[in-house]
């Protein structure tokens, strides 16, 4: 139960997985990957260019940033 949309003009790919309840957007233009997980209410953004990951947890209202550039982890609650 997956649907994949390729947009070559705007340089992104979106994968909809209806069985596992998530959406992943691969943006080749700005080098980001965003995963929307509807099952556990999280959004994760991977920025491959600037080397960081941000996890938004909508269930417990927290944000965690992981910076691979300066090796830091920050949690906002």
Foldseek 3Di string as FASTA:
>chain_A
DKDWDADVVQAKIWIADPVQAKIWIQGPVQQKIWIQGPVQQKIWIARPVQAKIWIAGPVVGKIWIAHPVVGDIDIDD
